[in-house]
Protein backbone atom coordinates (compact mmCIF):
# COMPACT_ATOMS: atom_id res chain seq x y z
CA ASP A 1 -6.09 10.01 -5.37
CA LEU A 2 -4.51 11.16 -2.13
CA VAL A 3 -5.67 14.44 -0.62
CA ASN A 4 -3.58 16.42 1.88
CA GLY A 5 -5.06 16.29 5.37
CA GLU A 6 -7.06 13.12 4.80
CA ASP A 7 -7.01 10.80 7.81
CA LYS A 8 -7.99 7.15 8.13
CA VAL A 9 -6.86 6.20 4.62
CA PHE A 10 -6.70 2.48 3.74
CA LEU A 11 -4.36 1.44 0.92
CA GLU A 12 -3.06 -1.82 -0.54
CA VAL A 13 0.47 -1.20 -1.79
CA ILE A 14 3.77 -2.88 -2.60
CA ALA A 15 7.00 -1.99 -0.78
CA LEU A 16 9.46 -0.56 -3.29
CA SER A 17 12.39 -0.04 -0.90
CA LYS A 18 13.89 -1.33 2.30
CA THR A 19 12.88 0.51 5.45
CA ARG A 20 15.28 3.32 6.32
CA LEU A 21 15.69 4.04 10.03
CA GLU A 22 17.09 7.26 11.51
CA GLU A 23 17.65 8.20 15.15
CA PHE A 24 17.20 11.72 16.44
CA THR A 25 17.92 13.40 19.76
CA ALA A 26 15.14 15.48 21.30
CA LYS A 27 15.85 18.72 23.16
CA ASP A 28 15.57 16.84 26.47
CA GLY A 29 18.30 14.41 25.35
CA SER A 30 16.01 11.43 24.71
CA LEU A 31 16.36 9.42 21.52
CA PHE A 32 13.56 8.70 19.08
CA ARG A 33 13.35 7.02 15.68
CA LYS A 34 11.90 7.75 12.29
CA ALA A 35 11.24 4.94 9.80
CA GLU A 36 10.66 5.63 6.14
CA LEU A 37 9.53 3.29 3.37
CA ILE A 38 8.73 3.89 -0.31
CA VAL A 39 5.51 2.18 -1.43
CA GLY A 40 3.57 2.15 -4.67
CA ASP A 41 0.62 0.85 -6.63
CA ASP A 42 -0.70 1.24 -10.18
CA THR A 43 -1.35 4.95 -9.61
CA GLY A 44 2.09 5.97 -8.34
CA GLU A 45 4.43 5.87 -5.39
CA CYS A 46 5.01 7.77 -2.15
CA LYS A 47 6.74 7.57 1.22
CA VAL A 48 5.29 6.11 4.40
CA ILE A 49 6.72 7.61 7.58
CA GLY A 50 6.45 6.37 11.16
CA TRP A 51 7.81 8.30 14.15
CA ARG A 52 8.79 6.99 17.57
CA ASP A 53 6.94 3.75 18.49
CA LEU A 54 5.11 3.73 15.15
CA SER A 55 8.44 3.23 13.38
CA GLU A 56 8.26 -0.39 14.60
CA LEU A 57 5.40 -1.08 12.16
CA LEU A 58 7.71 -0.51 9.19
CA ILE A 59 10.56 -2.72 10.39
CA ASN A 60 10.96 -6.08 8.57
CA ILE A 61 9.21 -4.88 5.42
CA ASN A 62 11.15 -5.92 2.33
CA PRO A 63 10.96 -4.72 -1.28
CA GLY A 64 8.20 -6.62 -3.05
CA ASP A 65 6.11 -7.21 0.09
CA ARG A 66 2.40 -6.52 -0.44
CA ILE A 67 1.00 -4.60 2.52
CA LEU A 68 -2.29 -3.14 3.62
CA LEU A 69 -1.96 0.23 5.33
CA LYS A 70 -4.89 0.92 7.63
CA GLY A 71 -5.80 4.30 9.05
CA VAL A 72 -2.86 6.34 7.76
CA SER A 73 -2.84 10.10 7.32
CA VAL A 74 -1.97 11.99 4.11
CA ARG A 75 0.43 14.91 4.60
CA GLU A 76 2.23 17.37 2.36
CA GLY A 77 6.01 17.64 2.61
CA LYS A 78 8.14 20.76 2.34
CA ASP A 79 8.63 20.01 -1.34
CA LYS A 80 4.81 19.92 -1.82
CA SER A 81 4.81 16.15 -2.48
CA LEU A 82 2.34 14.01 -0.54
CA PHE A 83 3.41 11.30 1.89
CA LEU A 84 1.64 8.87 4.22
CA GLN A 85 2.15 9.19 7.96
CA LEU A 86 1.38 6.52 10.52
CA ILE A 87 -0.76 7.90 13.35
CA SER A 88 -1.86 6.55 16.72
CA PHE A 89 -4.53 4.18 15.35
CA SER A 90 -2.66 3.14 12.17
CA SER A 91 -1.82 -0.49 11.54
CA LEU A 92 -0.10 -2.48 8.84
CA GLU A 93 -0.78 -5.98 7.57
CA LYS A 94 1.46 -8.03 5.28
CA LEU A 95 -0.61 -9.74 2.58
């Protein structure tokens, strides 16, 4: 049961998609990346998002990989659905 605003959440999940990478241009002209991955477990599925350097954690994850997400934050999207966001102390471990 994910709750919006919860930080330091630990979850064991399965990757349901390939990682999708997007590049954006900041106002100062610098480039930064966003990585997005769909994960799930017996209770449901949701997105995991990593911005900038944290996007690197989601690279090389393949559908079917079992992963342990450590210290992620639960956020609510514009559509009111919950997603997981990697934050400064988040880590990921392939199982």
